[in-house]
Amino acid sequence: MERIVARTQAAPASTLRRWVIGTAVALAGTLAATSYASAQSCQDLWIERNSYYKQAGYCFKTDAAIAYFGNQGCYINNEAAVRLSRYARNRIDEIVRLERRMGCNY
């Protein structure tokens, strides 16, 4: 009977240990991503966001974007027509949220 009790008591401790380790790893990953995003300036975010459009062939309209990226090789005039991967769309959405939170003005 003692042997069964010992196993029953050990299981919750190992389960708790796995949960703590898993939670710590998940939290560390979240903090690292948040720290990286927070470390980016408004200009860094603007450049990253617009880089996706440049790579996709978008023709920029603003003087700032044209000055930074140029319009050489562009062929898409309508931003809504730009074909982006799911990753790029999700990252752009994340950047826009960060820009709003940080109060970036362009």
N, C-alpha and C. Protein backbone atom coordinates (compact mmCIF):
# COMPACT_ATOMS: atom_id res chain seq x y z
N MET A 1 0.81 -1.18 0.00
CA MET A 1 0.00 0.00 0.00
C MET A 1 0.87 1.26 0.00
N GLU A 2 1.97 1.28 0.72
CA GLU A 2 2.84 2.45 0.76
C GLU A 2 3.42 2.75 -0.61
N ARG A 3 3.72 1.72 -1.35
CA ARG A 3 4.29 1.88 -2.68
C ARG A 3 3.32 2.62 -3.60
N ILE A 4 2.05 2.30 -3.56
CA ILE A 4 1.03 2.96 -4.38
C ILE A 4 0.89 4.42 -3.96
N VAL A 5 0.91 4.69 -2.70
CA VAL A 5 0.81 6.05 -2.19
C VAL A 5 1.99 6.87 -2.67
N ALA A 6 3.18 6.32 -2.64
CA ALA A 6 4.37 7.04 -3.08
C ALA A 6 4.26 7.41 -4.55
N ARG A 7 3.79 6.51 -5.39
CA ARG A 7 3.62 6.81 -6.81
C ARG A 7 2.57 7.87 -7.03
N THR A 8 1.48 7.81 -6.30
CA THR A 8 0.40 8.78 -6.43
C THR A 8 0.91 10.16 -6.06
N GLN A 9 1.73 10.26 -5.04
CA GLN A 9 2.24 11.56 -4.61
C GLN A 9 3.29 12.09 -5.59
N ALA A 10 4.05 11.22 -6.22
CA ALA A 10 5.09 11.65 -7.15
C ALA A 10 4.49 12.19 -8.45
N ALA A 11 3.40 11.62 -8.87
CA ALA A 11 2.80 12.03 -10.14
C ALA A 11 2.42 13.51 -10.16
N PRO A 12 1.72 13.99 -9.13
CA PRO A 12 1.38 15.41 -9.16
C PRO A 12 2.62 16.31 -9.16
N ALA A 13 3.68 15.93 -8.47
CA ALA A 13 4.89 16.75 -8.44
C ALA A 13 5.53 16.81 -9.82
N SER A 14 5.59 15.67 -10.51
CA SER A 14 6.19 15.68 -11.84
C SER A 14 5.30 16.43 -12.83
N THR A 15 4.00 16.29 -12.66
CA THR A 15 3.06 17.03 -13.52
C THR A 15 3.21 18.52 -13.28
N LEU A 16 3.29 18.90 -12.03
CA LEU A 16 3.48 20.31 -11.68
C LEU A 16 4.80 20.83 -12.25
N ARG A 17 5.85 20.03 -12.13
CA ARG A 17 7.16 20.43 -12.64
C ARG A 17 7.10 20.65 -14.16
N ARG A 18 6.45 19.73 -14.88
CA ARG A 18 6.31 19.90 -16.34
C ARG A 18 5.51 21.14 -16.67
N TRP A 19 4.46 21.39 -15.90
CA TRP A 19 3.63 22.58 -16.13
C TRP A 19 4.45 23.85 -15.90
N VAL A 20 5.21 23.88 -14.81
CA VAL A 20 6.02 25.06 -14.49
C VAL A 20 7.05 25.30 -15.60
N ILE A 21 7.73 24.26 -16.03
CA ILE A 21 8.74 24.40 -17.07
C ILE A 21 8.09 24.85 -18.38
N GLY A 22 6.98 24.22 -18.74
CA GLY A 22 6.28 24.60 -19.97
C GLY A 22 5.80 26.04 -19.93
N THR A 23 5.26 26.44 -18.80
CA THR A 23 4.79 27.82 -18.64
C THR A 23 5.96 28.80 -18.72
N ALA A 24 7.06 28.47 -18.09
CA ALA A 24 8.24 29.34 -18.11
C ALA A 24 8.77 29.50 -19.54
N VAL A 25 8.81 28.40 -20.29
CA VAL A 25 9.28 28.47 -21.67
C VAL A 25 8.34 29.32 -22.51
N ALA A 26 7.04 29.11 -22.36
CA ALA A 26 6.06 29.89 -23.11
C ALA A 26 6.16 31.38 -22.76
N LEU A 27 6.28 31.68 -21.49
CA LEU A 27 6.40 33.06 -21.04
C LEU A 27 7.67 33.70 -21.57
N ALA A 28 8.76 32.98 -21.53
CA ALA A 28 10.03 33.51 -22.03
C ALA A 28 9.93 33.83 -23.52
N GLY A 29 9.28 32.96 -24.28
CA GLY A 29 9.10 33.22 -25.71
C GLY A 29 8.24 34.45 -25.95
N THR A 30 7.18 34.59 -25.18
CA THR A 30 6.30 35.75 -25.31
C THR A 30 7.05 37.03 -24.95
N LEU A 31 7.80 36.99 -23.86
CA LEU A 31 8.56 38.17 -23.45
C LEU A 31 9.62 38.53 -24.47
N ALA A 32 10.27 37.55 -25.04
CA ALA A 32 11.29 37.83 -26.05
C ALA A 32 10.66 38.48 -27.27
N ALA A 33 9.53 37.97 -27.71
CA ALA A 33 8.85 38.56 -28.88
C ALA A 33 8.37 39.96 -28.55
N THR A 34 7.82 40.14 -27.35
CA THR A 34 7.33 41.46 -26.95
C THR A 34 8.50 42.43 -26.81
N SER A 35 9.61 41.97 -26.24
CA SER A 35 10.77 42.85 -26.09
C SER A 35 11.30 43.28 -27.44
N TYR A 36 11.36 42.35 -28.40
CA TYR A 36 11.84 42.69 -29.74
C TYR A 36 10.92 43.71 -30.37
N ALA A 37 9.61 43.45 -30.30
CA ALA A 37 8.65 44.36 -30.91
C ALA A 37 8.72 45.72 -30.23
N SER A 38 8.87 45.74 -28.91
CA SER A 38 8.93 46.99 -28.18
C SER A 38 10.22 47.75 -28.48
N ALA A 39 11.27 47.02 -28.81
CA ALA A 39 12.56 47.64 -29.09
C ALA A 39 12.57 48.32 -30.45
N GLN A 40 11.64 47.95 -31.32
CA GLN A 40 11.59 48.56 -32.63
C GLN A 40 11.01 49.96 -32.52
N SER A 41 11.62 50.90 -33.22
CA SER A 41 11.13 52.27 -33.23
C SER A 41 10.00 52.38 -34.25
N CYS A 42 9.33 53.51 -34.25
CA CYS A 42 8.29 53.76 -35.24
C CYS A 42 8.87 53.64 -36.65
N GLN A 43 10.07 54.17 -36.84
CA GLN A 43 10.69 54.10 -38.16
C GLN A 43 11.00 52.64 -38.55
N ASP A 44 11.51 51.87 -37.59
CA ASP A 44 11.78 50.45 -37.86
C ASP A 44 10.52 49.72 -38.28
N LEU A 45 9.43 49.99 -37.57
CA LEU A 45 8.16 49.34 -37.89
C LEU A 45 7.65 49.77 -39.27
N TRP A 46 7.75 51.05 -39.57
CA TRP A 46 7.33 51.58 -40.87
C TRP A 46 8.12 50.92 -42.00
N ILE A 47 9.42 50.82 -41.80
CA ILE A 47 10.27 50.20 -42.83
C ILE A 47 9.91 48.73 -43.00
N GLU A 48 9.76 48.01 -41.90
CA GLU A 48 9.42 46.59 -42.02
C GLU A 48 8.07 46.41 -42.72
N ARG A 49 7.08 47.19 -42.29
CA ARG A 49 5.73 47.06 -42.87
C ARG A 49 5.76 47.33 -44.37
N ASN A 50 6.41 48.40 -44.76
CA ASN A 50 6.44 48.76 -46.18
C ASN A 50 7.36 47.87 -47.01
N SER A 51 8.31 47.21 -46.36
CA SER A 51 9.18 46.28 -47.08
C SER A 51 8.38 45.13 -47.68
N TYR A 52 7.36 44.69 -46.97
CA TYR A 52 6.51 43.62 -47.50
C TYR A 52 5.83 44.07 -48.79
N TYR A 53 5.36 45.31 -48.81
CA TYR A 53 4.70 45.84 -50.01
C TYR A 53 5.70 46.03 -51.15
N LYS A 54 6.89 46.52 -50.82
CA LYS A 54 7.92 46.71 -51.85
C LYS A 54 8.27 45.38 -52.50
N GLN A 55 8.48 44.35 -51.69
CA GLN A 55 8.84 43.03 -52.22
C GLN A 55 7.74 42.45 -53.09
N ALA A 56 6.49 42.86 -52.83
CA ALA A 56 5.36 42.35 -53.60
C ALA A 56 5.08 43.15 -54.88
N GLY A 57 5.84 44.24 -55.10
CA GLY A 57 5.69 45.01 -56.32
C GLY A 57 4.77 46.22 -56.24
N TYR A 58 4.46 46.65 -55.03
CA TYR A 58 3.56 47.80 -54.86
C TYR A 58 4.23 49.10 -55.27
N CYS A 59 3.48 49.98 -55.93
CA CYS A 59 3.96 51.32 -56.31
C CYS A 59 3.54 52.29 -55.22
N PHE A 60 4.51 52.82 -54.51
CA PHE A 60 4.21 53.70 -53.38
C PHE A 60 3.67 55.04 -53.85
N LYS A 61 2.87 55.65 -52.98
CA LYS A 61 2.23 56.92 -53.29
C LYS A 61 2.84 58.08 -52.50
N THR A 62 3.30 57.81 -51.28
CA THR A 62 3.80 58.90 -50.45
C THR A 62 5.24 59.24 -50.81
N ASP A 63 5.57 60.51 -50.62
CA ASP A 63 6.94 60.97 -50.91
C ASP A 63 7.95 60.22 -50.04
N ALA A 64 7.60 59.99 -48.77
CA ALA A 64 8.54 59.32 -47.85
C ALA A 64 8.83 57.90 -48.33
N ALA A 65 7.80 57.17 -48.72
CA ALA A 65 8.00 55.78 -49.16
C ALA A 65 8.75 55.74 -50.48
N ILE A 66 8.43 56.65 -51.38
CA ILE A 66 9.13 56.69 -52.67
C ILE A 66 10.60 57.05 -52.44
N ALA A 67 10.85 57.99 -51.54
CA ALA A 67 12.24 58.39 -51.26
C ALA A 67 13.02 57.23 -50.64
N TYR A 68 12.39 56.47 -49.77
CA TYR A 68 13.10 55.38 -49.09
C TYR A 68 13.22 54.13 -49.96
N PHE A 69 12.12 53.71 -50.56
CA PHE A 69 12.08 52.45 -51.31
C PHE A 69 12.21 52.62 -52.82
N GLY A 70 11.77 53.76 -53.32
CA GLY A 70 11.71 53.96 -54.77
C GLY A 70 10.54 53.19 -55.36
N ASN A 71 10.29 53.42 -56.63
CA ASN A 71 9.21 52.71 -57.31
C ASN A 71 9.73 51.93 -58.51
N GLN A 72 11.04 51.73 -58.57
CA GLN A 72 11.59 50.95 -59.66
C GLN A 72 11.08 49.52 -59.57
N GLY A 73 10.60 49.02 -60.68
CA GLY A 73 10.12 47.63 -60.74
C GLY A 73 8.74 47.41 -60.16
N CYS A 74 8.09 48.46 -59.71
CA CYS A 74 6.75 48.27 -59.15
C CYS A 74 5.75 48.05 -60.28
N TYR A 75 4.68 47.35 -59.98
CA TYR A 75 3.67 47.09 -61.01
C TYR A 75 2.26 46.99 -60.45
N ILE A 76 2.10 47.19 -59.14
CA ILE A 76 0.77 47.14 -58.52
C ILE A 76 0.45 48.51 -57.93
N ASN A 77 -0.58 49.15 -58.45
CA ASN A 77 -0.95 50.49 -57.98
C ASN A 77 -1.99 50.49 -56.87
N ASN A 78 -2.72 49.41 -56.74
CA ASN A 78 -3.79 49.33 -55.74
C ASN A 78 -3.30 48.48 -54.57
N GLU A 79 -3.20 49.09 -53.40
CA GLU A 79 -2.70 48.37 -52.22
C GLU A 79 -3.52 47.11 -51.92
N ALA A 80 -4.83 47.17 -52.15
CA ALA A 80 -5.70 46.01 -51.89
C ALA A 80 -5.39 44.85 -52.83
N ALA A 81 -4.76 45.13 -53.96
CA ALA A 81 -4.45 44.08 -54.94
C ALA A 81 -3.10 43.40 -54.68
N VAL A 82 -2.37 43.89 -53.70
CA VAL A 82 -1.06 43.31 -53.39
C VAL A 82 -1.26 41.92 -52.79
N ARG A 83 -0.61 40.94 -53.40
CA ARG A 83 -0.69 39.56 -52.91
C ARG A 83 0.42 39.32 -51.90
N LEU A 84 0.01 39.03 -50.68
CA LEU A 84 0.97 38.79 -49.60
C LEU A 84 0.68 37.44 -48.97
N SER A 85 1.72 36.82 -48.45
CA SER A 85 1.54 35.54 -47.74
C SER A 85 0.74 35.78 -46.47
N ARG A 86 0.23 34.70 -45.92
CA ARG A 86 -0.51 34.80 -44.65
C ARG A 86 0.40 35.35 -43.57
N TYR A 87 1.66 34.89 -43.56
CA TYR A 87 2.62 35.39 -42.56
C TYR A 87 2.78 36.90 -42.69
N ALA A 88 2.98 37.38 -43.94
CA ALA A 88 3.19 38.81 -44.15
C ALA A 88 1.96 39.61 -43.73
N ARG A 89 0.77 39.14 -44.09
CA ARG A 89 -0.47 39.84 -43.69
C ARG A 89 -0.58 39.90 -42.16
N ASN A 90 -0.32 38.78 -41.51
CA ASN A 90 -0.40 38.75 -40.04
C ASN A 90 0.63 39.67 -39.41
N ARG A 91 1.84 39.68 -39.96
CA ARG A 91 2.88 40.55 -39.42
C ARG A 91 2.54 42.01 -39.65
N ILE A 92 2.00 42.34 -40.81
CA ILE A 92 1.59 43.73 -41.09
C ILE A 92 0.51 44.14 -40.10
N ASP A 93 -0.46 43.27 -39.85
CA ASP A 93 -1.51 43.58 -38.86
C ASP A 93 -0.90 43.83 -37.48
N GLU A 94 0.08 43.00 -37.11
CA GLU A 94 0.75 43.16 -35.82
C GLU A 94 1.50 44.50 -35.77
N ILE A 95 2.18 44.83 -36.86
CA ILE A 95 2.94 46.09 -36.91
C ILE A 95 1.99 47.27 -36.78
N VAL A 96 0.87 47.24 -37.47
CA VAL A 96 -0.11 48.33 -37.40
C VAL A 96 -0.61 48.50 -35.96
N ARG A 97 -0.87 47.39 -35.28
CA ARG A 97 -1.30 47.47 -33.87
C ARG A 97 -0.20 48.11 -33.01
N LEU A 98 1.04 47.69 -33.24
CA LEU A 98 2.16 48.26 -32.48
C LEU A 98 2.31 49.75 -32.77
N GLU A 99 2.19 50.13 -34.03
CA GLU A 99 2.30 51.55 -34.40
C GLU A 99 1.23 52.38 -33.71
N ARG A 100 0.03 51.86 -33.67
CA ARG A 100 -1.06 52.58 -32.98
C ARG A 100 -0.78 52.69 -31.49
N ARG A 101 -0.37 51.56 -30.90
CA ARG A 101 -0.09 51.55 -29.46
C ARG A 101 1.03 52.52 -29.11
N MET A 102 2.03 52.63 -29.99
CA MET A 102 3.18 53.49 -29.75
C MET A 102 2.91 54.94 -30.15
N GLY A 103 1.78 55.19 -30.82
CA GLY A 103 1.45 56.55 -31.24
C GLY A 103 2.28 57.03 -32.41
N CYS A 104 2.68 56.12 -33.29
CA CYS A 104 3.48 56.48 -34.46
C CYS A 104 2.62 57.32 -35.42
N ASN A 105 3.19 58.41 -35.88
CA ASN A 105 2.49 59.30 -36.83
C ASN A 105 3.29 59.40 -38.11
N TYR A 106 2.61 59.25 -39.21
CA TYR A 106 3.30 59.33 -40.51
C TYR A 106 2.66 60.36 -41.38
